[in-house]
Amino acid sequence: MELTDKRCAPCEGGTPPLSGEEAQSLLQELNASPEAQKNPWTVTADERQLKKGFKLKNFVEAVDFVNRIKDVAEEENHHPDLEVGYGKVVVRLTTHAIGGLSENDFILAAKIDALRS
């Protein structure tokens, strides 16, 4: 099943975050398409966050993109940290309840990428 076809599932404290190997496997799946390879998601050095920057034409497009991310995040009940600037949006995903990455982060990342296609 594709990441975009999955739904985020509630995570509870006590659930371990993904191992580095598990995160790398999902990262490869997330960045598999030629389009994604042009601007891939990365896992931070501490392996606790998934991160990607998006370039847009101007501030209005950046805010519009953030509003579309908001809709998907609400639907999935999984919320990213967003940085908005003139012509840019930086998305950071982590599962706060477990202190690291879960499959939910990769599901939401794939759905955010789908907003740009």
N, C-alpha and C. Protein backbone atom coordinates (compact mmCIF):
# COMPACT_ATOMS: atom_id res chain seq x y z
N MET A 1 0.85 -1.17 0.00
CA MET A 1 0.00 0.00 0.00
C MET A 1 0.90 1.24 0.00
N GLU A 2 0.56 2.20 -0.83
CA GLU A 2 1.31 3.45 -0.92
C GLU A 2 1.13 4.26 0.37
N LEU A 3 2.14 5.04 0.71
CA LEU A 3 2.04 5.89 1.89
C LEU A 3 0.83 6.83 1.81
N THR A 4 0.53 7.35 0.61
CA THR A 4 -0.59 8.29 0.47
C THR A 4 -1.94 7.60 0.66
N ASP A 5 -1.98 6.27 0.58
CA ASP A 5 -3.22 5.53 0.76
C ASP A 5 -3.47 5.15 2.22
N LYS A 6 -2.46 5.32 3.05
CA LYS A 6 -2.57 4.97 4.46
C LYS A 6 -3.14 6.13 5.26
N ARG A 7 -3.58 5.83 6.47
CA ARG A 7 -4.08 6.85 7.39
C ARG A 7 -3.19 6.86 8.62
N CYS A 8 -3.01 8.03 9.19
CA CYS A 8 -2.26 8.14 10.43
C CYS A 8 -3.04 7.47 11.55
N ALA A 9 -2.31 6.72 12.38
CA ALA A 9 -2.92 6.02 13.51
C ALA A 9 -2.45 6.68 14.80
N PRO A 10 -3.31 6.73 15.81
CA PRO A 10 -2.89 7.33 17.07
C PRO A 10 -1.66 6.62 17.65
N CYS A 11 -0.71 7.41 18.12
CA CYS A 11 0.48 6.87 18.79
C CYS A 11 0.39 7.26 20.26
N GLU A 12 0.79 6.34 21.10
CA GLU A 12 0.74 6.62 22.52
C GLU A 12 2.14 6.55 23.10
N GLY A 13 2.33 7.29 24.18
CA GLY A 13 3.60 7.21 24.89
C GLY A 13 3.90 5.76 25.24
N GLY A 14 5.15 5.39 25.22
CA GLY A 14 5.54 4.02 25.46
C GLY A 14 5.77 3.25 24.17
N THR A 15 5.22 3.74 23.07
CA THR A 15 5.49 3.15 21.76
C THR A 15 6.88 3.62 21.34
N PRO A 16 7.75 2.71 20.96
CA PRO A 16 9.09 3.15 20.58
C PRO A 16 9.08 3.85 19.22
N PRO A 17 9.94 4.85 19.05
CA PRO A 17 10.07 5.48 17.73
C PRO A 17 10.69 4.47 16.76
N LEU A 18 10.59 4.78 15.49
CA LEU A 18 11.19 3.93 14.46
C LEU A 18 12.69 3.84 14.67
N SER A 19 13.25 2.70 14.38
CA SER A 19 14.71 2.57 14.39
C SER A 19 15.27 3.32 13.18
N GLY A 20 16.55 3.59 13.20
CA GLY A 20 17.19 4.25 12.07
C GLY A 20 16.99 3.49 10.77
N GLU A 21 17.05 2.17 10.84
CA GLU A 21 16.86 1.32 9.67
C GLU A 21 15.43 1.42 9.14
N GLU A 22 14.46 1.38 10.05
CA GLU A 22 13.05 1.50 9.65
C GLU A 22 12.79 2.86 9.02
N ALA A 23 13.34 3.92 9.61
CA ALA A 23 13.15 5.27 9.08
C ALA A 23 13.78 5.39 7.69
N GLN A 24 14.96 4.81 7.51
CA GLN A 24 15.62 4.89 6.20
C GLN A 24 14.83 4.14 5.13
N SER A 25 14.23 3.03 5.50
CA SER A 25 13.41 2.28 4.55
C SER A 25 12.19 3.10 4.10
N LEU A 26 11.51 3.73 5.06
CA LEU A 26 10.37 4.57 4.72
C LEU A 26 10.81 5.82 3.96
N LEU A 27 11.97 6.35 4.29
CA LEU A 27 12.50 7.52 3.59
C LEU A 27 12.76 7.18 2.13
N GLN A 28 13.30 6.01 1.85
CA GLN A 28 13.52 5.60 0.47
C GLN A 28 12.21 5.50 -0.29
N GLU A 29 11.19 4.94 0.36
CA GLU A 29 9.87 4.85 -0.26
C GLU A 29 9.31 6.25 -0.53
N LEU A 30 9.44 7.13 0.43
CA LEU A 30 8.93 8.49 0.32
C LEU A 30 9.61 9.25 -0.82
N ASN A 31 10.91 9.04 -0.98
CA ASN A 31 11.69 9.78 -1.98
C ASN A 31 11.92 9.00 -3.27
N ALA A 32 11.13 7.96 -3.52
CA ALA A 32 11.37 7.06 -4.65
C ALA A 32 11.11 7.67 -6.02
N SER A 33 10.17 8.56 -6.13
CA SER A 33 9.81 9.09 -7.46
C SER A 33 10.87 10.07 -7.95
N PRO A 34 11.01 10.20 -9.27
CA PRO A 34 11.96 11.17 -9.82
C PRO A 34 11.67 12.60 -9.35
N GLU A 35 10.40 12.93 -9.20
CA GLU A 35 10.03 14.27 -8.73
C GLU A 35 10.50 14.48 -7.30
N ALA A 36 10.30 13.47 -6.45
CA ALA A 36 10.72 13.58 -5.05
C ALA A 36 12.24 13.65 -4.93
N GLN A 37 12.94 13.02 -5.82
CA GLN A 37 14.40 13.02 -5.76
C GLN A 37 14.99 14.40 -6.05
N LYS A 38 14.23 15.26 -6.73
CA LYS A 38 14.68 16.63 -6.99
C LYS A 38 14.72 17.46 -5.72
N ASN A 39 13.83 17.17 -4.80
CA ASN A 39 13.74 17.87 -3.52
C ASN A 39 13.33 16.86 -2.45
N PRO A 40 14.27 16.05 -1.98
CA PRO A 40 13.90 14.96 -1.08
C PRO A 40 13.68 15.39 0.37
N TRP A 41 12.93 14.57 1.07
CA TRP A 41 12.82 14.68 2.51
C TRP A 41 14.11 14.14 3.11
N THR A 42 14.48 14.67 4.27
CA THR A 42 15.65 14.17 4.97
C THR A 42 15.28 13.87 6.42
N VAL A 43 16.02 12.96 7.01
CA VAL A 43 15.89 12.67 8.43
C VAL A 43 17.01 13.45 9.12
N THR A 44 16.67 14.15 10.19
CA THR A 44 17.67 14.95 10.90
C THR A 44 18.72 14.03 11.53
N ALA A 45 19.87 14.61 11.84
CA ALA A 45 21.00 13.84 12.37
C ALA A 45 20.64 13.07 13.64
N ASP A 46 19.74 13.63 14.46
CA ASP A 46 19.35 12.94 15.69
C ASP A 46 18.27 11.87 15.45
N GLU A 47 17.85 11.73 14.19
CA GLU A 47 16.85 10.75 13.75
C GLU A 47 15.48 10.93 14.42
N ARG A 48 15.18 12.17 14.82
CA ARG A 48 13.90 12.43 15.50
C ARG A 48 12.91 13.20 14.62
N GLN A 49 13.39 13.76 13.51
CA GLN A 49 12.51 14.57 12.66
C GLN A 49 12.72 14.25 11.20
N LEU A 50 11.66 14.48 10.45
CA LEU A 50 11.67 14.43 9.00
C LEU A 50 11.52 15.87 8.55
N LYS A 51 12.31 16.30 7.56
CA LYS A 51 12.34 17.72 7.20
C LYS A 51 12.40 17.89 5.69
N LYS A 52 11.73 18.96 5.23
CA LYS A 52 11.79 19.31 3.81
C LYS A 52 11.43 20.78 3.64
N GLY A 53 12.15 21.44 2.74
CA GLY A 53 11.84 22.82 2.38
C GLY A 53 11.19 22.88 1.02
N PHE A 54 10.24 23.75 0.87
CA PHE A 54 9.54 23.93 -0.41
C PHE A 54 9.72 25.37 -0.87
N LYS A 55 10.02 25.56 -2.15
CA LYS A 55 10.13 26.90 -2.73
C LYS A 55 8.84 27.21 -3.47
N LEU A 56 8.35 28.43 -3.22
CA LEU A 56 7.14 28.89 -3.87
C LEU A 56 7.42 30.26 -4.48
N LYS A 57 6.49 30.77 -5.27
CA LYS A 57 6.73 32.02 -5.99
C LYS A 57 6.77 33.25 -5.10
N ASN A 58 5.94 33.26 -4.05
CA ASN A 58 5.86 34.45 -3.21
C ASN A 58 5.21 34.09 -1.88
N PHE A 59 4.98 35.09 -1.06
CA PHE A 59 4.42 34.87 0.27
C PHE A 59 2.99 34.33 0.20
N VAL A 60 2.19 34.85 -0.71
CA VAL A 60 0.79 34.41 -0.82
C VAL A 60 0.73 32.93 -1.17
N GLU A 61 1.56 32.48 -2.10
CA GLU A 61 1.59 31.06 -2.45
C GLU A 61 2.07 30.22 -1.27
N ALA A 62 3.03 30.73 -0.52
CA ALA A 62 3.52 30.01 0.65
C ALA A 62 2.40 29.82 1.67
N VAL A 63 1.65 30.88 1.94
CA VAL A 63 0.55 30.80 2.91
C VAL A 63 -0.56 29.88 2.38
N ASP A 64 -0.84 29.96 1.08
CA ASP A 64 -1.84 29.05 0.49
C ASP A 64 -1.42 27.59 0.68
N PHE A 65 -0.14 27.31 0.46
CA PHE A 65 0.37 25.96 0.63
C PHE A 65 0.23 25.52 2.09
N VAL A 66 0.57 26.40 3.01
CA VAL A 66 0.41 26.09 4.44
C VAL A 66 -1.04 25.79 4.77
N ASN A 67 -1.96 26.53 4.20
CA ASN A 67 -3.38 26.28 4.45
C ASN A 67 -3.82 24.91 3.91
N ARG A 68 -3.26 24.48 2.79
CA ARG A 68 -3.58 23.15 2.26
C ARG A 68 -2.95 22.08 3.16
N ILE A 69 -1.74 22.33 3.66
CA ILE A 69 -1.12 21.40 4.61
C ILE A 69 -1.99 21.28 5.86
N LYS A 70 -2.48 22.42 6.34
CA LYS A 70 -3.35 22.43 7.53
C LYS A 70 -4.55 21.51 7.35
N ASP A 71 -5.17 21.54 6.19
CA ASP A 71 -6.35 20.71 5.94
C ASP A 71 -6.01 19.22 6.02
N VAL A 72 -4.89 18.83 5.40
CA VAL A 72 -4.47 17.43 5.43
C VAL A 72 -4.07 17.02 6.85
N ALA A 73 -3.35 17.89 7.53
CA ALA A 73 -2.91 17.60 8.90
C ALA A 73 -4.11 17.40 9.82
N GLU A 74 -5.12 18.22 9.68
CA GLU A 74 -6.33 18.08 10.50
C GLU A 74 -7.04 16.78 10.17
N GLU A 75 -7.13 16.44 8.89
CA GLU A 75 -7.78 15.20 8.48
C GLU A 75 -7.06 13.99 9.06
N GLU A 76 -5.74 14.04 9.12
CA GLU A 76 -4.94 12.93 9.64
C GLU A 76 -4.71 13.02 11.15
N ASN A 77 -5.08 14.13 11.75
CA ASN A 77 -4.84 14.37 13.18
C ASN A 77 -3.36 14.17 13.53
N HIS A 78 -2.51 14.69 12.65
CA HIS A 78 -1.06 14.63 12.85
C HIS A 78 -0.51 15.96 12.34
N HIS A 79 0.14 16.71 13.19
CA HIS A 79 0.41 18.12 12.90
C HIS A 79 1.89 18.42 12.80
N PRO A 80 2.32 19.00 11.67
CA PRO A 80 3.73 19.34 11.48
C PRO A 80 4.08 20.68 12.12
N ASP A 81 5.36 20.90 12.28
CA ASP A 81 5.87 22.22 12.61
C ASP A 81 6.18 22.89 11.28
N LEU A 82 5.70 24.11 11.11
CA LEU A 82 5.84 24.82 9.84
C LEU A 82 6.57 26.14 10.03
N GLU A 83 7.44 26.44 9.09
CA GLU A 83 8.12 27.73 9.03
C GLU A 83 7.75 28.35 7.69
N VAL A 84 7.19 29.56 7.73
CA VAL A 84 6.71 30.22 6.52
C VAL A 84 7.48 31.51 6.30
N GLY A 85 7.89 31.72 5.08
CA GLY A 85 8.57 32.96 4.71
C GLY A 85 8.21 33.33 3.29
N TYR A 86 8.82 34.38 2.81
CA TYR A 86 8.55 34.81 1.45
C TYR A 86 9.04 33.73 0.49
N GLY A 87 8.11 33.08 -0.18
CA GLY A 87 8.45 32.07 -1.18
C GLY A 87 9.01 30.78 -0.63
N LYS A 88 8.80 30.51 0.65
CA LYS A 88 9.31 29.25 1.19
C LYS A 88 8.44 28.74 2.33
N VAL A 89 8.43 27.43 2.45
CA VAL A 89 7.80 26.74 3.57
C VAL A 89 8.73 25.61 3.96
N VAL A 90 9.06 25.53 5.24
CA VAL A 90 9.84 24.41 5.75
C VAL A 90 8.92 23.59 6.64
N VAL A 91 8.88 22.27 6.38
CA VAL A 91 8.02 21.36 7.12
C VAL A 91 8.90 20.44 7.95
N ARG A 92 8.57 20.32 9.22
CA ARG A 92 9.25 19.38 10.11
C ARG A 92 8.18 18.48 10.72
N LEU A 93 8.43 17.18 10.64
CA LEU A 93 7.50 16.20 11.18
C LEU A 93 8.18 15.36 12.24
N THR A 94 7.49 15.13 13.32
CA THR A 94 7.92 14.22 14.37
C THR A 94 6.67 13.79 15.13
N THR A 95 6.78 12.69 15.83
CA THR A 95 5.67 12.23 16.65
C THR A 95 6.03 12.54 18.09
N HIS A 96 5.52 13.66 18.57
CA HIS A 96 5.88 14.17 19.90
C HIS A 96 5.61 13.15 21.00
N ALA A 97 4.51 12.40 20.89
CA ALA A 97 4.12 11.46 21.95
C ALA A 97 5.17 10.37 22.19
N ILE A 98 5.98 10.07 21.15
CA ILE A 98 6.98 9.02 21.31
C ILE A 98 8.41 9.56 21.22
N GLY A 99 8.54 10.86 21.04
CA GLY A 99 9.86 11.48 21.02
C GLY A 99 10.71 11.13 19.81
N GLY A 100 10.08 10.87 18.69
CA GLY A 100 10.82 10.53 17.48
C GLY A 100 9.89 10.28 16.31
N LEU A 101 10.39 9.53 15.35
CA LEU A 101 9.63 9.29 14.13
C LEU A 101 8.74 8.06 14.24
N SER A 102 7.56 8.19 13.63
CA SER A 102 6.65 7.06 13.47
C SER A 102 6.25 6.99 12.00
N GLU A 103 5.56 5.94 11.64
CA GLU A 103 5.10 5.83 10.26
C GLU A 103 4.19 7.01 9.91
N ASN A 104 3.47 7.55 10.89
CA ASN A 104 2.59 8.69 10.65
C ASN A 104 3.33 9.86 10.00
N ASP A 105 4.56 10.09 10.41
CA ASP A 105 5.33 11.20 9.86
C ASP A 105 5.55 11.01 8.36
N PHE A 106 5.81 9.79 7.95
CA PHE A 106 6.06 9.50 6.54
C PHE A 106 4.76 9.53 5.74
N ILE A 107 3.67 9.09 6.35
CA ILE A 107 2.36 9.17 5.69
C ILE A 107 2.00 10.63 5.42
N LEU A 108 2.12 11.47 6.44
CA LEU A 108 1.79 12.88 6.25
C LEU A 108 2.75 13.54 5.25
N ALA A 109 4.01 13.19 5.29
CA ALA A 109 4.98 13.75 4.33
C ALA A 109 4.56 13.41 2.90
N ALA A 110 4.16 12.17 2.66
CA ALA A 110 3.72 11.77 1.32
C ALA A 110 2.48 12.54 0.89
N LYS A 111 1.58 12.77 1.82
CA LYS A 111 0.36 13.52 1.49
C LYS A 111 0.67 15.00 1.24
N ILE A 112 1.66 15.53 1.94
CA ILE A 112 2.09 16.92 1.68
C ILE A 112 2.73 17.01 0.29
N ASP A 113 3.56 16.04 -0.06
CA ASP A 113 4.14 16.03 -1.40
C ASP A 113 3.04 15.98 -2.47
N ALA A 114 1.99 15.22 -2.23
CA ALA A 114 0.90 15.09 -3.20
C ALA A 114 0.20 16.43 -3.44
N LEU A 115 0.25 17.33 -2.47
CA LEU A 115 -0.35 18.65 -2.64
C LEU A 115 0.38 19.48 -3.70
N ARG A 116 1.64 19.16 -3.94
CA ARG A 116 2.47 19.92 -4.89
C ARG A 116 2.43 19.33 -6.29
N SER A 117 1.82 18.16 -6.47
CA SER A 117 1.82 17.55 -7.80
C SER A 117 0.58 17.86 -8.58
